Amino acid sequence: MTYAIVNIKNKQFKLVQNKYIYVPHISENIGKKILLDQVFLFYKEGVLFLGSPFLEKINVEIEIMQHIKGKKILIFKKKRRKGYKVKNGFRPLFSKIKIISFIEKNIKNLD
């Protein structure tokens, strides 16, 4: 199994080829293909490559499938004995992406 740990919107995600994953909203159009270049770790055929902090010879190609809203998150504030109560909430935006391929440039020289 080949996988990579990448940075998307300052969060780390494990990406496996031909799988779908939900990530924080990416402001691109649906169907657009993007190259991710901030790869922390890459694993292929029993060999593990670690970046410091990123691997420069490996990119990940993804495609944006759809934009959706997540479940509602409630924020409730209260101060005891003061009669102060505030209830707020929001639905975060997510993007569903498909991992297309891992692009390796001269991976044999990655020491």
N, C-alpha and C. Protein backbone atom coordinates (compact mmCIF):
# COMPACT_ATOMS: atom_id res chain seq x y z
N MET A 1 0.84 -1.18 0.00
CA MET A 1 0.00 0.00 0.00
C MET A 1 0.88 1.24 0.00
N THR A 2 0.57 2.17 -0.86
CA THR A 2 1.30 3.43 -0.96
C THR A 2 0.45 4.53 -0.35
N TYR A 3 1.07 5.34 0.52
CA TYR A 3 0.34 6.46 1.10
C TYR A 3 1.28 7.62 1.37
N ALA A 4 0.69 8.77 1.65
CA ALA A 4 1.47 9.97 1.95
C ALA A 4 0.75 10.75 3.05
N ILE A 5 1.53 11.42 3.88
CA ILE A 5 0.99 12.35 4.88
C ILE A 5 1.27 13.75 4.35
N VAL A 6 0.20 14.53 4.13
CA VAL A 6 0.36 15.86 3.53
C VAL A 6 -0.28 16.94 4.40
N ASN A 7 0.10 18.17 4.11
CA ASN A 7 -0.43 19.34 4.80
C ASN A 7 -1.47 20.00 3.90
N ILE A 8 -2.73 20.04 4.37
CA ILE A 8 -3.80 20.74 3.65
C ILE A 8 -4.43 21.70 4.64
N LYS A 9 -4.32 22.99 4.38
CA LYS A 9 -4.88 24.03 5.25
C LYS A 9 -4.38 23.89 6.69
N ASN A 10 -3.09 23.64 6.85
CA ASN A 10 -2.43 23.49 8.15
C ASN A 10 -2.97 22.34 8.99
N LYS A 11 -3.49 21.33 8.35
CA LYS A 11 -3.89 20.08 9.01
C LYS A 11 -3.25 18.93 8.24
N GLN A 12 -2.92 17.86 8.98
CA GLN A 12 -2.25 16.73 8.34
C GLN A 12 -3.27 15.64 8.01
N PHE A 13 -3.15 15.09 6.79
CA PHE A 13 -4.06 14.05 6.32
C PHE A 13 -3.26 12.92 5.70
N LYS A 14 -3.73 11.69 5.92
CA LYS A 14 -3.13 10.52 5.29
C LYS A 14 -3.89 10.26 4.00
N LEU A 15 -3.19 10.29 2.87
CA LEU A 15 -3.81 10.12 1.57
C LEU A 15 -3.39 8.79 0.95
N VAL A 16 -4.38 8.02 0.49
CA VAL A 16 -4.17 6.75 -0.18
C VAL A 16 -4.75 6.89 -1.59
N GLN A 17 -4.04 6.37 -2.58
CA GLN A 17 -4.44 6.54 -3.97
C GLN A 17 -5.82 5.94 -4.24
N ASN A 18 -6.62 6.64 -5.06
CA ASN A 18 -7.98 6.26 -5.47
C ASN A 18 -8.97 6.21 -4.32
N LYS A 19 -8.74 6.93 -3.23
CA LYS A 19 -9.67 7.03 -2.11
C LYS A 19 -10.21 8.45 -2.03
N TYR A 20 -11.32 8.61 -1.30
CA TYR A 20 -11.93 9.91 -1.08
C TYR A 20 -11.69 10.33 0.36
N ILE A 21 -11.59 11.64 0.59
CA ILE A 21 -11.40 12.15 1.94
C ILE A 21 -12.04 13.54 2.01
N TYR A 22 -12.53 13.91 3.20
CA TYR A 22 -13.10 15.22 3.42
C TYR A 22 -12.07 16.09 4.11
N VAL A 23 -11.79 17.27 3.55
CA VAL A 23 -10.80 18.20 4.08
C VAL A 23 -11.46 19.56 4.27
N PRO A 24 -10.83 20.47 5.03
CA PRO A 24 -11.40 21.82 5.13
C PRO A 24 -11.56 22.44 3.73
N HIS A 25 -12.53 23.33 3.61
CA HIS A 25 -12.93 23.89 2.32
C HIS A 25 -11.75 24.43 1.51
N ILE A 26 -11.64 23.96 0.27
CA ILE A 26 -10.64 24.45 -0.67
C ILE A 26 -11.38 25.31 -1.68
N SER A 27 -10.98 26.56 -1.81
CA SER A 27 -11.73 27.50 -2.64
C SER A 27 -11.33 27.39 -4.12
N GLU A 28 -11.62 26.25 -4.69
CA GLU A 28 -11.43 26.00 -6.12
C GLU A 28 -12.72 25.39 -6.67
N ASN A 29 -12.85 25.39 -7.98
CA ASN A 29 -14.07 24.86 -8.60
C ASN A 29 -14.09 23.33 -8.56
N ILE A 30 -15.30 22.78 -8.58
CA ILE A 30 -15.48 21.34 -8.60
C ILE A 30 -14.93 20.78 -9.90
N GLY A 31 -14.19 19.67 -9.80
CA GLY A 31 -13.59 19.04 -10.97
C GLY A 31 -12.18 19.50 -11.25
N LYS A 32 -11.70 20.54 -10.55
CA LYS A 32 -10.35 21.04 -10.78
C LYS A 32 -9.33 20.11 -10.14
N LYS A 33 -8.21 19.90 -10.83
CA LYS A 33 -7.13 19.08 -10.31
C LYS A 33 -6.04 19.98 -9.74
N ILE A 34 -5.54 19.59 -8.56
CA ILE A 34 -4.57 20.41 -7.83
C ILE A 34 -3.38 19.53 -7.47
N LEU A 35 -2.19 20.12 -7.47
CA LEU A 35 -0.99 19.44 -7.01
C LEU A 35 -0.65 19.91 -5.60
N LEU A 36 -0.52 18.98 -4.67
CA LEU A 36 -0.11 19.30 -3.31
C LEU A 36 1.38 19.03 -3.20
N ASP A 37 2.13 20.04 -2.73
CA ASP A 37 3.58 19.88 -2.67
C ASP A 37 4.12 19.80 -1.24
N GLN A 38 3.27 19.96 -0.25
CA GLN A 38 3.72 19.90 1.15
C GLN A 38 3.51 18.48 1.69
N VAL A 39 4.41 17.59 1.32
CA VAL A 39 4.34 16.18 1.71
C VAL A 39 5.34 15.94 2.84
N PHE A 40 4.83 15.51 4.00
CA PHE A 40 5.69 15.24 5.15
C PHE A 40 6.33 13.86 5.07
N LEU A 41 5.55 12.87 4.64
CA LEU A 41 5.98 11.48 4.68
C LEU A 41 5.43 10.77 3.46
N PHE A 42 6.22 9.84 2.92
CA PHE A 42 5.78 9.05 1.78
C PHE A 42 6.22 7.61 1.99
N TYR A 43 5.28 6.67 1.82
CA TYR A 43 5.56 5.25 2.03
C TYR A 43 5.21 4.50 0.76
N LYS A 44 6.18 3.71 0.26
CA LYS A 44 5.94 2.92 -0.96
C LYS A 44 6.80 1.67 -0.91
N GLU A 45 6.15 0.51 -1.08
CA GLU A 45 6.82 -0.78 -1.18
C GLU A 45 7.79 -1.04 -0.03
N GLY A 46 7.38 -0.76 1.19
CA GLY A 46 8.20 -1.05 2.36
C GLY A 46 9.28 -0.02 2.64
N VAL A 47 9.37 1.03 1.85
CA VAL A 47 10.39 2.08 2.06
C VAL A 47 9.68 3.35 2.50
N LEU A 48 10.19 3.95 3.57
CA LEU A 48 9.60 5.15 4.16
C LEU A 48 10.52 6.33 3.91
N PHE A 49 9.96 7.41 3.36
CA PHE A 49 10.71 8.64 3.12
C PHE A 49 10.15 9.73 4.02
N LEU A 50 11.01 10.39 4.79
CA LEU A 50 10.63 11.47 5.69
C LEU A 50 11.21 12.78 5.20
N GLY A 51 10.43 13.84 5.24
CA GLY A 51 10.92 15.15 4.85
C GLY A 51 11.37 15.94 6.06
N SER A 52 12.10 17.01 5.80
CA SER A 52 12.51 17.86 6.90
C SER A 52 12.36 19.33 6.50
N PRO A 53 11.22 19.95 6.56
CA PRO A 53 9.94 19.38 6.96
C PRO A 53 9.18 18.73 5.80
N PHE A 54 9.49 19.09 4.54
CA PHE A 54 8.73 18.55 3.41
C PHE A 54 9.64 17.78 2.46
N LEU A 55 9.03 16.84 1.73
CA LEU A 55 9.74 16.14 0.66
C LEU A 55 9.58 16.96 -0.62
N GLU A 56 10.68 17.32 -1.23
CA GLU A 56 10.63 18.19 -2.40
C GLU A 56 10.42 17.42 -3.70
N LYS A 57 10.70 16.12 -3.72
CA LYS A 57 10.63 15.34 -4.95
C LYS A 57 9.30 14.63 -5.14
N ILE A 58 8.35 14.82 -4.23
CA ILE A 58 7.07 14.12 -4.32
C ILE A 58 5.91 15.12 -4.25
N ASN A 59 4.98 14.98 -5.19
CA ASN A 59 3.75 15.76 -5.19
C ASN A 59 2.57 14.81 -5.21
N VAL A 60 1.41 15.29 -4.76
CA VAL A 60 0.19 14.49 -4.78
C VAL A 60 -0.83 15.23 -5.63
N GLU A 61 -1.39 14.52 -6.61
CA GLU A 61 -2.41 15.11 -7.47
C GLU A 61 -3.79 14.73 -6.94
N ILE A 62 -4.62 15.75 -6.68
CA ILE A 62 -5.97 15.51 -6.17
C ILE A 62 -6.98 16.18 -7.10
N GLU A 63 -8.23 15.73 -6.98
CA GLU A 63 -9.33 16.35 -7.73
C GLU A 63 -10.44 16.68 -6.75
N ILE A 64 -11.01 17.87 -6.87
CA ILE A 64 -12.10 18.29 -6.00
C ILE A 64 -13.41 17.71 -6.54
N MET A 65 -14.09 16.91 -5.70
CA MET A 65 -15.32 16.25 -6.14
C MET A 65 -16.57 17.07 -5.80
N GLN A 66 -16.65 17.60 -4.57
CA GLN A 66 -17.81 18.40 -4.19
C GLN A 66 -17.50 19.22 -2.94
N HIS A 67 -18.33 20.24 -2.70
CA HIS A 67 -18.25 21.06 -1.50
C HIS A 67 -19.51 20.80 -0.68
N ILE A 68 -19.35 20.53 0.61
CA ILE A 68 -20.50 20.25 1.46
C ILE A 68 -20.36 20.97 2.79
N LYS A 69 -21.47 21.00 3.53
CA LYS A 69 -21.46 21.52 4.89
C LYS A 69 -21.46 20.34 5.86
N GLY A 70 -20.75 20.49 6.97
CA GLY A 70 -20.70 19.45 7.98
C GLY A 70 -21.85 19.56 8.95
N LYS A 71 -21.79 18.78 10.00
CA LYS A 71 -22.81 18.83 11.05
C LYS A 71 -22.69 20.13 11.83
N LYS A 72 -23.82 20.57 12.39
CA LYS A 72 -23.83 21.82 13.12
C LYS A 72 -23.01 21.71 14.40
N ILE A 73 -22.20 22.73 14.64
CA ILE A 73 -21.41 22.84 15.87
C ILE A 73 -22.05 23.94 16.71
N LEU A 74 -22.42 23.61 17.94
CA LEU A 74 -23.06 24.58 18.84
C LEU A 74 -22.05 25.19 19.78
N ILE A 75 -22.18 26.51 19.97
CA ILE A 75 -21.37 27.24 20.93
C ILE A 75 -22.33 27.82 21.96
N PHE A 76 -22.16 27.44 23.21
CA PHE A 76 -23.04 27.91 24.28
C PHE A 76 -22.19 28.57 25.36
N LYS A 77 -22.49 29.85 25.66
CA LYS A 77 -21.77 30.57 26.69
C LYS A 77 -22.73 30.90 27.82
N LYS A 78 -22.24 30.81 29.05
CA LYS A 78 -23.09 31.11 30.19
C LYS A 78 -22.22 31.62 31.33
N LYS A 79 -22.74 32.62 32.05
CA LYS A 79 -22.10 33.08 33.27
C LYS A 79 -23.07 32.83 34.41
N ARG A 80 -22.64 32.06 35.37
CA ARG A 80 -23.56 31.66 36.44
C ARG A 80 -23.97 32.86 37.29
N ARG A 81 -25.19 32.79 37.74
CA ARG A 81 -25.82 33.79 38.62
C ARG A 81 -25.93 35.17 38.00
N LYS A 82 -25.73 35.32 36.71
CA LYS A 82 -25.82 36.64 36.07
C LYS A 82 -26.94 36.71 35.05
N GLY A 83 -27.55 35.58 34.72
CA GLY A 83 -28.61 35.58 33.71
C GLY A 83 -28.10 35.73 32.29
N TYR A 84 -26.80 35.49 32.11
CA TYR A 84 -26.18 35.64 30.79
C TYR A 84 -26.08 34.28 30.11
N LYS A 85 -26.78 34.14 28.98
CA LYS A 85 -26.71 32.93 28.17
C LYS A 85 -26.72 33.32 26.71
N VAL A 86 -25.80 32.76 25.94
CA VAL A 86 -25.75 33.00 24.50
C VAL A 86 -25.56 31.65 23.80
N LYS A 87 -26.42 31.39 22.84
CA LYS A 87 -26.31 30.15 22.07
C LYS A 87 -26.08 30.52 20.60
N ASN A 88 -24.99 30.03 20.05
CA ASN A 88 -24.65 30.25 18.65
C ASN A 88 -24.29 28.91 18.03
N GLY A 89 -24.23 28.89 16.71
CA GLY A 89 -23.82 27.69 16.03
C GLY A 89 -23.47 27.97 14.59
N PHE A 90 -22.79 27.03 13.96
CA PHE A 90 -22.46 27.16 12.56
C PHE A 90 -22.22 25.78 11.97
N ARG A 91 -22.24 25.70 10.65
CA ARG A 91 -21.94 24.45 9.95
C ARG A 91 -20.66 24.67 9.14
N PRO A 92 -19.57 23.97 9.48
CA PRO A 92 -18.32 24.17 8.76
C PRO A 92 -18.39 23.64 7.33
N LEU A 93 -17.61 24.25 6.45
CA LEU A 93 -17.55 23.84 5.06
C LEU A 93 -16.42 22.84 4.86
N PHE A 94 -16.69 21.80 4.08
CA PHE A 94 -15.69 20.79 3.75
C PHE A 94 -15.66 20.59 2.24
N SER A 95 -14.55 20.08 1.75
CA SER A 95 -14.43 19.69 0.35
C SER A 95 -14.13 18.20 0.30
N LYS A 96 -14.83 17.50 -0.57
CA LYS A 96 -14.57 16.08 -0.78
C LYS A 96 -13.57 15.98 -1.93
N ILE A 97 -12.42 15.35 -1.66
CA ILE A 97 -11.40 15.24 -2.69
C ILE A 97 -11.10 13.78 -2.99
N LYS A 98 -10.63 13.53 -4.19
CA LYS A 98 -10.19 12.19 -4.60
C LYS A 98 -8.70 12.27 -4.88
N ILE A 99 -7.96 11.31 -4.34
CA ILE A 99 -6.52 11.26 -4.56
C ILE A 99 -6.29 10.52 -5.87
N ILE A 100 -5.72 11.20 -6.84
CA ILE A 100 -5.54 10.62 -8.17
C ILE A 100 -4.22 9.85 -8.25
N SER A 101 -3.11 10.53 -7.94
CA SER A 101 -1.82 9.84 -8.06
C SER A 101 -0.75 10.54 -7.24
N PHE A 102 0.33 9.81 -7.02
CA PHE A 102 1.53 10.35 -6.39
C PHE A 102 2.57 10.56 -7.49
N ILE A 103 3.05 11.78 -7.61
CA ILE A 103 4.02 12.09 -8.65
C ILE A 103 5.41 12.12 -8.02
N GLU A 104 6.25 11.20 -8.47
CA GLU A 104 7.59 11.06 -7.91
C GLU A 104 8.63 11.50 -8.93
N LYS A 105 9.50 12.41 -8.50
CA LYS A 105 10.58 12.86 -9.37
C LYS A 105 11.90 12.35 -8.82
N ASN A 106 12.50 11.39 -9.51
CA ASN A 106 13.81 10.86 -9.10
C ASN A 106 13.82 10.40 -7.65
N ILE A 107 12.90 9.53 -7.29
CA ILE A 107 12.75 9.08 -5.90
C ILE A 107 13.93 8.24 -5.44
N LYS A 108 14.73 7.70 -6.35
CA LYS A 108 15.88 6.88 -5.95
C LYS A 108 16.97 7.72 -5.27
N ASN A 109 16.98 9.03 -5.57
CA ASN A 109 18.02 9.90 -5.01
C ASN A 109 17.58 10.61 -3.73
N LEU A 110 16.56 10.14 -3.07
CA LEU A 110 16.01 10.79 -1.87
C LEU A 110 16.72 10.32 -0.61
N ASP A 111 17.86 10.59 -0.28
CA ASP A 111 18.49 10.05 0.93
C ASP A 111 18.58 11.04 2.03
